[in-house]
Amino acid sequence: MHVSIETTAGLERRMTVELPEELVTQAVQNRLRSFARTVRMDGFRTGKVPLKVVEKKFGKQMLGEVLGDLMQKSFQEAVQQQSLRPAGGPRIESRTATQGQGLAYSAVFEVYPDISWGAFSALKVEKPVASITEEDIATMLETLRNQRRTWSKVERGAVQGDQLQVTFTTRIGGGEPHGEVDKPHAFTVGSNAPEFDRQLLGAQAGQALTVHYQFPADYQNPDLAGKPVEYAIQVISVSEPVLPALDEEFVRSMGVAEGTLEALCREARNNMQREMDQAARTRTKQQLMEALLKAYPIEVPKALMEHEIDQLQAQARNRLGVQGGGARVADMPRTEFEAAARRRVTLGLLFSDIALREGIKPDAAHVRGLIEGIAATYQDPAEVISWYYRNAEELARIESMALEDQVVEWLLAQAEVREVPTTFSALLNPGAVDS
C-alpha cells in the first residue's frame, strides 16, 4: 500500500492511497469462494456452483463490496501509519479501480489540531471566597416569608411592593387598542421594569390611568422589540403584602419538623452553604476556562463546528418551542450560534487533550455522585440511578461531565489561584449590587 498526504488548508488533509492489483484480485476471489459455498442457483446444488458461474453472475457485485471494504480498512490503516487523528469521516474525492492497476482513491478529511502546551502554572485564576453572615440568614428568612405572603386590600395610593388588581387594554406602536378588558390581572409594584412601576405609584382603587412604556430593542419577541406601548389601566383594588409570623406553624410549613426558629436558621444556613460552594466552584471553573481559551487559541475542525451548531440550534428550538419560538430559531442564521459553538468545541478539544496527555479517566465514584445528585430530585431515586447505568448513551454523557470536572480540578492544582473575598449576595447574584 502506498500512501501520500497533502495539506490543503488549515486542518484539512488529502490522502491518496494506492493498493496493488494482486491485493484487489485476491480479495475478490476470496469473497467469491466464500459466497459460492452458500449461494443457491437453479440447476446446481448448494455449495456446488462452479466459481466461474458465480463470478459471471455476481462478479460486479462482489467487486463493489470488496472495493468498499478495502477502502474502509486501508483508510484506517493509512491514518494509523501516518499518525493522523481524523475529526469526522472522510470525503472520497476520486476512486479508480482499473484491471491490472489495482485500486487508488483520494480521501479528504480534517484532523484534530496539535496543541503545544506551555506551563499550566502560568494560568491565573481568581477564586471567590465568602462566608454566610447573620444578615444573610435574616435576608433569607425574609425571602421565605415573602414566598408565603398573602394580600390585604388597602384604601390608599399604591407604594412599592403593593399589588394592583386591574383590567387593561394595550395600544402597540400607535395601533388599535386590544386586550381582554374584563379579565383581571395583577401588577406587583416593583416586579416590572422601573419606568413602568414608577407610573403605578400612587394609583388608587377605581382610578383610570395611562402607562407608557417602550420595549427594549433586544426584547425576546421581535414583533414587540423596540416598539412603544400604551396601557389604558382601570384599577380595581390595591393590596399590601402580609408576611407570616416566624412561628412554629411557619417553620413546620417549610418542612422543618423540629418547629423552632433555630432549626429553620440552621437548615437555611446549610442550604445556603451548599448553594454558595456550588456558585464558587462554577465561578472558579469559568475563570479557568477563560484563562485556558486565552492562553491556547486553536483552530477547530469545521466538522465539529457544524455538529455543535446543530446541537445548539436543537437546544434553542426545544427551549423556545413551548413559547412558539421554534419557527424563529429555524429562521436564525447559523452564524448566530458560531461563537458559542467555537467556544464549546475549543474547550472540549483542550480538555480531551489534557485528559489524554495526563491519563485522566472518569472516576467511578465521581460518576456515581453526579448520577445520585440528579436522581435525588426524582420520586424514586433508585430507579433513576438504575436507568442511567442501563442507558449507555446517558451514562457516557455523565462520564464526560465527570471527566471535565476532574480535568478542571487537575488544572486548578497546577494554576496560580488567588482567593478574592466577596459576599454571599454578590456570589449568588452577580448582577446585584450590595447595599
Protein backbone atom coordinates (compact mmCIF):
# COMPACT_ATOMS: atom_id res chain seq x y z
CA MET A 1 0.00 0.00 0.00
CA HIS A 2 1.33 3.41 -1.00
CA VAL A 3 0.12 6.48 0.93
CA SER A 4 0.74 10.19 0.28
CA ILE A 5 -0.54 13.14 2.34
CA GLU A 6 -1.21 16.72 1.24
CA THR A 7 -2.23 19.62 3.49
CA THR A 8 -4.90 21.50 1.55
CA ALA A 9 -5.90 24.23 4.03
CA GLY A 10 -5.71 24.55 7.79
CA LEU A 11 -6.66 21.22 9.36
CA GLU A 12 -7.82 19.67 6.06
CA ARG A 13 -5.79 16.83 4.57
CA ARG A 14 -6.00 14.99 1.25
CA MET A 15 -4.71 11.44 1.50
CA THR A 16 -4.12 9.36 -1.64
CA VAL A 17 -4.00 5.60 -1.16
CA GLU A 18 -2.92 3.08 -3.81
CA LEU A 19 -3.49 -0.67 -3.46
CA PRO A 20 -1.85 -3.21 -5.80
CA GLU A 21 -3.92 -5.23 -8.28
CA GLU A 22 -2.99 -8.56 -6.70
CA LEU A 23 -4.45 -7.47 -3.38
CA VAL A 24 -7.76 -6.48 -5.01
CA THR A 25 -7.88 -9.66 -7.12
CA GLN A 26 -7.15 -11.89 -4.12
CA ALA A 27 -9.84 -10.18 -2.03
CA VAL A 28 -12.43 -10.58 -4.82
CA GLN A 29 -11.55 -14.26 -5.27
CA ASN A 30 -11.83 -14.90 -1.54
CA ARG A 31 -15.23 -13.20 -1.45
CA LEU A 32 -16.45 -15.24 -4.47
CA ARG A 33 -15.29 -18.53 -2.93
CA SER A 34 -16.99 -17.74 0.37
CA PHE A 35 -20.17 -16.71 -1.44
CA ALA A 36 -20.12 -19.79 -3.67
CA ARG A 37 -20.34 -22.07 -0.62
CA THR A 38 -23.81 -20.77 0.26
CA VAL A 39 -25.31 -19.40 -2.97
CA ARG A 40 -28.35 -21.10 -4.49
CA MET A 41 -28.77 -21.23 -8.29
CA ASP A 42 -31.13 -23.23 -10.47
CA GLY A 43 -29.55 -26.45 -11.75
CA PHE A 44 -26.91 -26.66 -9.03
CA ARG A 45 -26.81 -27.99 -5.51
CA THR A 46 -25.92 -25.54 -2.74
CA GLY A 47 -22.15 -25.29 -2.50
CA LYS A 48 -21.59 -26.96 -5.90
CA VAL A 49 -21.99 -23.93 -8.20
CA PRO A 50 -18.82 -23.52 -10.32
CA LEU A 51 -16.74 -20.47 -9.37
CA LYS A 52 -16.80 -19.19 -12.98
CA VAL A 53 -20.62 -19.24 -12.97
CA VAL A 54 -20.74 -17.39 -9.65
CA GLU A 55 -18.19 -14.85 -10.94
CA LYS A 56 -20.12 -14.23 -14.15
CA LYS A 57 -23.38 -13.59 -12.30
CA PHE A 58 -22.14 -11.87 -9.14
CA GLY A 59 -18.66 -10.60 -10.07
CA LYS A 60 -19.56 -6.90 -10.31
CA GLN A 61 -21.48 -7.04 -7.04
CA MET A 62 -18.59 -8.78 -5.28
CA LEU A 63 -16.10 -6.27 -6.72
CA GLY A 64 -18.14 -3.35 -5.42
CA GLU A 65 -18.38 -4.87 -1.95
CA VAL A 66 -14.68 -5.69 -1.89
CA LEU A 67 -13.65 -2.21 -3.00
CA GLY A 68 -15.80 -0.68 -0.25
CA ASP A 69 -14.29 -2.96 2.38
CA LEU A 70 -10.74 -2.37 1.13
CA MET A 71 -11.21 1.40 1.17
CA GLN A 72 -12.55 1.37 4.72
CA LYS A 73 -9.82 -0.96 6.01
CA SER A 74 -6.97 0.73 4.13
CA PHE A 75 -8.11 4.19 5.26
CA GLN A 76 -7.91 3.14 8.92
CA GLU A 77 -4.50 1.52 8.37
CA ALA A 78 -3.22 4.57 6.48
CA VAL A 79 -4.20 7.14 9.14
CA GLN A 80 -2.58 4.96 11.81
CA GLN A 81 0.51 4.60 9.65
CA GLN A 82 0.69 8.37 9.20
CA SER A 83 -0.16 9.10 12.89
CA LEU A 84 -3.22 11.15 11.91
CA ARG A 85 -6.35 11.73 14.02
CA PRO A 86 -9.32 12.34 11.70
CA ALA A 87 -12.05 14.63 13.03
CA GLY A 88 -15.06 13.17 11.28
CA GLY A 89 -15.45 10.79 8.36
CA PRO A 90 -13.58 11.24 5.06
CA ARG A 91 -15.00 12.58 1.80
CA ILE A 92 -13.91 10.41 -1.14
CA GLU A 93 -13.00 12.75 -3.99
CA SER A 94 -11.90 10.21 -6.57
CA ARG A 95 -11.63 6.48 -6.95
CA THR A 96 -10.24 4.32 -9.72
CA ALA A 97 -10.23 0.55 -9.94
CA THR A 98 -8.61 -0.48 -13.20
CA GLN A 99 -7.81 -4.01 -14.36
CA GLY A 100 -4.09 -4.55 -13.89
CA GLN A 101 -3.58 -1.31 -11.92
CA GLY A 102 -5.35 -2.03 -8.63
CA LEU A 103 -7.31 0.46 -6.53
CA ALA A 104 -6.48 4.13 -5.98
CA TYR A 105 -8.56 6.75 -4.16
CA SER A 106 -8.24 10.19 -2.56
CA ALA A 107 -9.89 10.91 0.78
CA VAL A 108 -10.31 14.43 2.14
CA PHE A 109 -10.80 14.89 5.88
CA GLU A 110 -9.95 17.15 8.78
CA VAL A 111 -7.62 16.27 11.63
CA TYR A 112 -7.62 17.29 15.26
CA PRO A 113 -5.27 20.19 15.95
CA ASP A 114 -1.86 19.63 17.51
CA ILE A 115 -1.72 21.59 20.76
CA SER A 116 1.57 22.97 22.02
CA TRP A 117 1.15 23.11 25.77
CA GLY A 118 3.05 25.52 27.97
CA ALA A 119 3.36 25.67 31.75
CA PHE A 120 -0.08 25.46 33.32
CA SER A 121 1.29 27.42 36.29
CA ALA A 122 1.04 30.48 34.03
CA LEU A 123 -2.76 30.27 34.15
CA LYS A 124 -4.12 32.87 36.59
CA VAL A 125 -7.47 32.21 38.24
CA GLU A 126 -9.48 34.16 40.81
CA LYS A 127 -11.44 32.07 43.32
CA PRO A 128 -14.29 33.87 45.15
CA VAL A 129 -14.37 33.27 48.90
CA ALA A 130 -17.27 34.25 51.16
CA SER A 131 -18.89 33.38 54.47
CA ILE A 132 -22.54 33.40 55.45
CA THR A 133 -23.39 36.20 57.90
CA GLU A 134 -26.33 36.67 60.27
CA GLU A 135 -27.54 39.38 57.88
CA ASP A 136 -27.56 36.81 55.05
CA ILE A 137 -29.66 34.47 57.22
CA ALA A 138 -32.08 37.30 58.02
CA THR A 139 -32.41 38.18 54.34
CA MET A 140 -33.09 34.54 53.51
CA LEU A 141 -35.82 34.37 56.18
CA GLU A 142 -37.46 37.45 54.67
CA THR A 143 -37.31 35.82 51.26
CA LEU A 144 -39.02 32.70 52.65
CA ARG A 145 -41.71 34.84 54.31
CA ASN A 146 -42.29 36.74 51.05
CA GLN A 147 -42.78 33.46 49.25
CA ARG A 148 -45.68 32.71 51.64
CA ARG A 149 -47.14 36.23 51.71
CA THR A 150 -50.85 36.97 51.43
CA TRP A 151 -52.54 40.20 50.32
CA SER A 152 -54.79 42.60 52.22
CA LYS A 153 -56.76 45.38 50.48
CA VAL A 154 -55.96 48.98 51.47
CA GLU A 155 -57.70 52.29 50.85
CA ARG A 156 -54.67 54.36 49.85
CA GLY A 157 -52.34 55.03 46.95
CA ALA A 158 -50.05 52.19 45.82
CA VAL A 159 -46.49 52.05 47.16
CA GLN A 160 -43.52 49.84 46.30
CA GLY A 161 -44.41 46.19 46.99
CA ASP A 162 -48.18 46.61 46.68
CA GLN A 163 -50.28 44.54 44.30
CA LEU A 164 -52.79 46.12 41.92
CA GLN A 165 -55.75 44.18 40.53
CA VAL A 166 -56.51 45.78 37.16
CA THR A 167 -58.09 45.39 33.76
CA PHE A 168 -56.38 47.00 30.81
CA THR A 169 -56.06 47.34 27.06
CA THR A 170 -52.87 47.99 25.10
CA ARG A 171 -52.00 50.05 22.07
CA ILE A 172 -48.72 48.97 20.45
CA GLY A 173 -46.83 51.31 18.18
CA GLY A 174 -49.84 53.60 17.78
CA GLY A 175 -52.06 50.79 16.53
CA GLU A 176 -55.58 49.88 17.56
CA PRO A 177 -56.28 49.09 21.26
CA HIS A 178 -56.53 45.40 22.07
CA GLY A 179 -56.66 43.20 25.17
CA GLU A 180 -59.09 41.45 27.48
CA VAL A 181 -60.84 44.41 29.13
CA ASP A 182 -62.89 42.39 31.62
CA LYS A 183 -60.20 39.90 32.66
CA PRO A 184 -58.49 40.97 35.95
CA HIS A 185 -54.72 40.98 36.01
CA ALA A 186 -52.28 41.50 38.90
CA PHE A 187 -49.40 44.01 38.78
CA THR A 188 -46.95 43.97 41.70
CA VAL A 189 -45.23 47.33 42.00
CA GLY A 190 -41.51 46.66 41.95
CA SER A 191 -41.53 43.47 39.87
CA ASN A 192 -41.78 45.17 36.47
CA ALA A 193 -39.46 47.48 34.53
CA PRO A 194 -38.60 50.53 36.73
CA GLU A 195 -40.05 53.03 34.23
CA PHE A 196 -43.32 51.02 34.22
CA ASP A 197 -43.51 50.73 38.03
CA ARG A 198 -42.90 54.45 38.59
CA GLN A 199 -46.16 55.21 36.77
CA LEU A 200 -48.11 52.85 39.09
CA LEU A 201 -47.04 54.57 42.32
CA GLY A 202 -49.94 56.37 43.99
CA ALA A 203 -52.63 54.56 41.96
CA GLN A 204 -55.90 54.01 43.88
CA ALA A 205 -58.89 51.69 43.58
CA GLY A 206 -61.36 52.96 40.95
CA GLN A 207 -58.76 55.11 39.20
CA ALA A 208 -58.14 55.03 35.45
CA LEU A 209 -54.58 55.75 34.33
CA THR A 210 -52.46 55.51 31.21
CA VAL A 211 -48.96 53.99 31.43
CA HIS A 212 -46.40 54.43 28.66
CA TYR A 213 -43.55 52.01 28.05
CA GLN A 214 -41.09 51.15 25.29
CA PHE A 215 -39.93 47.58 24.77
CA PRO A 216 -36.13 47.10 24.68
CA ALA A 217 -34.54 46.73 21.26
CA ASP A 218 -33.40 43.20 22.21
CA TYR A 219 -36.79 42.09 23.55
CA GLN A 220 -37.32 38.34 23.00
CA ASN A 221 -40.46 38.88 20.91
CA PRO A 222 -39.26 40.51 17.65
CA ASP A 223 -42.80 41.77 16.94
CA LEU A 224 -42.55 43.99 20.04
CA ALA A 225 -38.82 44.75 20.18
CA GLY A 226 -38.13 48.49 20.27
CA LYS A 227 -41.82 49.47 19.95
CA PRO A 228 -43.72 51.89 22.24
CA VAL A 229 -46.78 50.59 24.06
CA GLU A 230 -49.61 52.40 25.84
CA TYR A 231 -51.54 50.68 28.66
CA ALA A 232 -55.03 52.01 29.44
CA ILE A 233 -55.47 50.69 33.01
CA GLN A 234 -58.54 50.54 35.24
CA VAL A 235 -57.52 49.88 38.87
CA ILE A 236 -59.89 47.50 40.68
CA SER A 237 -58.08 47.30 44.03
CA VAL A 238 -54.80 47.97 45.84
CA SER A 239 -53.45 45.39 48.31
CA GLU A 240 -50.44 45.36 50.59
CA PRO A 241 -48.37 42.25 51.37
CA VAL A 242 -48.91 40.48 54.70
CA LEU A 243 -45.96 38.33 55.78
CA PRO A 244 -46.45 35.28 58.02
CA ALA A 245 -45.02 35.36 61.52
CA LEU A 246 -41.83 33.41 62.21
CA ASP A 247 -43.67 30.97 64.44
CA GLU A 248 -43.79 27.20 64.80
CA GLU A 249 -46.52 26.85 62.17
CA PHE A 250 -44.42 28.72 59.61
CA VAL A 251 -41.27 26.73 60.43
CA ARG A 252 -43.11 23.41 60.04
CA SER A 253 -44.63 24.62 56.75
CA MET A 254 -41.06 24.93 55.49
CA GLY A 255 -40.52 21.21 56.11
CA VAL A 256 -38.55 21.59 59.37
CA ALA A 257 -40.15 19.04 61.70
CA GLU A 258 -38.46 20.40 64.85
CA GLY A 259 -40.57 23.55 64.50
CA THR A 260 -38.11 26.03 66.06
CA LEU A 261 -36.66 29.17 64.51
CA GLU A 262 -33.19 27.96 65.46
CA ALA A 263 -33.71 24.76 63.47
CA LEU A 264 -35.00 26.72 60.47
CA CYS A 265 -31.95 29.01 60.58
CA ARG A 266 -29.66 26.00 60.79
CA GLU A 267 -31.39 24.37 57.79
CA ALA A 268 -31.26 27.64 55.87
CA ARG A 269 -27.54 28.05 56.61
CA ASN A 270 -26.76 24.52 55.40
CA ASN A 271 -28.70 25.06 52.15
CA MET A 272 -27.07 28.46 51.61
CA GLN A 273 -23.63 26.96 52.20
CA ARG A 274 -24.27 24.30 49.53
CA GLU A 275 -25.51 26.95 47.09
CA MET A 276 -22.52 29.18 47.83
CA ASP A 277 -19.99 26.36 47.43
CA GLN A 278 -21.54 25.40 44.08
CA ALA A 279 -21.56 29.03 42.91
CA ALA A 280 -17.90 29.43 43.93
CA ARG A 281 -16.94 26.26 42.04
CA THR A 282 -18.85 27.42 38.96
CA ARG A 283 -17.28 30.91 39.04
CA THR A 284 -13.79 29.45 39.52
CA LYS A 285 -14.33 26.98 36.67
CA GLN A 286 -15.48 29.82 34.40
CA GLN A 287 -12.34 31.79 35.28
CA LEU A 288 -10.19 28.78 34.49
CA MET A 289 -11.89 28.16 31.14
CA GLU A 290 -11.46 31.79 30.12
CA ALA A 291 -7.77 31.67 31.05
CA LEU A 292 -7.35 28.42 29.08
CA LEU A 293 -9.09 29.83 26.00
CA LYS A 294 -6.93 32.95 26.10
CA ALA A 295 -3.68 31.03 26.55
CA TYR A 296 -4.37 28.35 23.92
CA PRO A 297 -6.30 29.65 20.90
CA ILE A 298 -6.52 26.73 18.50
CA GLU A 299 -8.06 26.09 15.10
CA VAL A 300 -11.11 23.83 15.33
CA PRO A 301 -12.30 21.32 12.71
CA LYS A 302 -15.22 22.54 10.63
CA ALA A 303 -16.98 19.19 11.01
CA LEU A 304 -17.04 19.56 14.80
CA MET A 305 -18.23 23.16 14.47
CA GLU A 306 -21.13 22.16 12.22
CA HIS A 307 -22.17 19.38 14.58
CA GLU A 308 -22.07 21.73 17.60
CA ILE A 309 -24.10 24.39 15.79
CA ASP A 310 -26.71 21.71 15.03
CA GLN A 311 -26.80 20.83 18.74
CA LEU A 312 -27.17 24.48 19.83
CA GLN A 313 -29.96 25.07 17.34
CA ALA A 314 -31.80 21.98 18.60
CA GLN A 315 -31.44 23.15 22.21
CA ALA A 316 -32.71 26.63 21.36
CA ARG A 317 -35.64 25.13 19.47
CA ASN A 318 -36.52 22.96 22.48
CA ARG A 319 -36.32 25.91 24.87
CA LEU A 320 -38.48 28.19 22.75
CA GLY A 321 -40.80 25.56 21.31
CA VAL A 322 -43.23 25.77 24.20
CA GLN A 323 -43.43 29.55 23.71
CA GLY A 324 -43.96 29.22 19.97
CA GLY A 325 -40.40 30.30 19.23
CA GLY A 326 -39.35 27.23 17.26
CA ALA A 327 -40.01 28.96 13.94
CA ARG A 328 -37.86 31.93 14.99
CA VAL A 329 -34.94 29.61 15.75
CA ALA A 330 -35.31 27.98 12.33
CA ASP A 331 -35.11 31.44 10.74
CA MET A 332 -31.93 32.38 12.65
CA PRO A 333 -28.75 32.14 10.54
CA ARG A 334 -26.22 29.57 11.67
CA THR A 335 -23.73 32.39 12.23
CA GLU A 336 -25.77 33.34 15.33
CA PHE A 337 -24.54 30.15 17.00
CA GLU A 338 -20.92 30.20 15.78
CA ALA A 339 -19.31 31.96 18.75
CA ALA A 340 -20.90 29.65 21.33
CA ALA A 341 -20.14 26.59 19.20
CA ARG A 342 -16.49 27.61 18.73
CA ARG A 343 -16.09 28.11 22.49
CA ARG A 344 -17.61 24.75 23.36
CA VAL A 345 -15.66 22.84 20.70
CA THR A 346 -12.38 24.53 21.67
CA LEU A 347 -12.83 23.76 25.36
CA GLY A 348 -13.80 20.19 24.53
CA LEU A 349 -10.63 19.70 22.48
CA LEU A 350 -8.41 21.29 25.14
CA PHE A 351 -9.92 19.23 27.96
CA SER A 352 -9.77 15.99 25.93
CA ASP A 353 -6.12 16.57 25.05
CA ILE A 354 -5.19 17.24 28.67
CA ALA A 355 -7.05 14.14 29.82
CA LEU A 356 -5.24 12.04 27.21
CA ARG A 357 -1.87 13.64 28.00
CA GLU A 358 -2.20 13.18 31.76
CA GLY A 359 -4.03 9.84 31.70
CA ILE A 360 -7.12 11.24 33.43
CA LYS A 361 -10.15 8.95 33.19
CA PRO A 362 -13.69 9.26 34.59
CA ASP A 363 -13.66 8.26 38.25
CA ALA A 364 -16.43 5.75 39.03
CA ALA A 365 -17.20 7.38 42.40
CA HIS A 366 -17.48 10.82 40.80
CA VAL A 367 -19.78 9.45 38.11
CA ARG A 368 -21.92 7.81 40.77
CA GLY A 369 -22.09 11.07 42.72
CA LEU A 370 -23.31 13.01 39.69
CA ILE A 371 -25.98 10.41 38.95
CA GLU A 372 -27.14 10.35 42.57
CA GLY A 373 -27.37 14.15 42.55
CA ILE A 374 -29.69 14.02 39.55
CA ALA A 375 -31.67 11.09 40.95
CA ALA A 376 -32.27 12.87 44.27
CA THR A 377 -34.71 15.25 42.55
CA TYR A 378 -37.00 12.36 41.49
CA GLN A 379 -39.63 10.42 43.45
CA ASP A 380 -37.80 7.08 43.02
CA PRO A 381 -34.03 7.83 43.07
CA ALA A 382 -33.06 4.13 42.95
CA GLU A 383 -34.94 3.59 39.69
CA VAL A 384 -33.35 6.69 38.14
CA ILE A 385 -29.86 5.51 39.14
CA SER A 386 -30.56 2.09 37.64
CA TRP A 387 -31.85 3.72 34.43
CA TYR A 388 -28.63 5.69 33.95
CA TYR A 389 -26.48 2.60 34.35
CA ARG A 390 -28.66 0.70 31.84
CA ASN A 391 -28.54 3.53 29.27
CA ALA A 392 -25.11 3.53 27.63
CA GLU A 393 -25.58 6.89 25.88
CA GLU A 394 -26.72 8.73 29.01
CA LEU A 395 -24.02 7.08 31.10
CA ALA A 396 -21.40 8.24 28.58
CA ARG A 397 -22.75 11.79 28.88
CA ILE A 398 -22.39 11.71 32.68
CA GLU A 399 -18.89 10.22 32.35
CA SER A 400 -17.98 13.12 30.07
CA MET A 401 -19.21 15.57 32.71
CA ALA A 402 -17.17 13.78 35.38
CA LEU A 403 -14.07 13.81 33.20
CA GLU A 404 -14.45 17.55 32.64
CA ASP A 405 -14.73 18.13 36.40
CA GLN A 406 -11.60 16.05 37.02
CA VAL A 407 -9.60 17.92 34.37
CA VAL A 408 -10.70 21.22 35.92
CA GLU A 409 -9.55 20.05 39.37
CA TRP A 410 -6.22 18.92 37.90
CA LEU A 411 -5.71 22.27 36.16
CA LEU A 412 -6.59 24.24 39.29
CA ALA A 413 -3.92 22.30 41.15
CA GLN A 414 -1.37 23.48 38.54
CA ALA A 415 -2.61 27.06 38.02
CA GLU A 416 -1.98 30.18 40.07
CA VAL A 417 -5.21 30.55 42.06
CA ARG A 418 -5.80 33.76 44.01
CA GLU A 419 -8.60 33.94 46.55
CA VAL A 420 -10.83 37.02 46.22
CA PRO A 421 -13.10 37.99 49.14
CA THR A 422 -16.75 38.53 48.26
CA THR A 423 -20.20 38.22 49.83
CA PHE A 424 -22.92 35.61 49.71
CA SER A 425 -25.21 38.03 47.87
CA ALA A 426 -22.60 39.01 45.27
CA LEU A 427 -21.67 35.38 44.67
CA LEU A 428 -25.23 34.13 44.22
CA ASN A 429 -26.46 37.23 42.34
CA PRO A 430 -23.54 38.56 40.25
CA GLY A 431 -25.68 41.30 38.69
CA ALA A 432 -26.94 42.62 42.03
CA VAL A 433 -25.30 45.49 43.90
CA ASP A 434 -24.79 45.02 47.63
CA SER A 435 -26.22 47.82 49.75
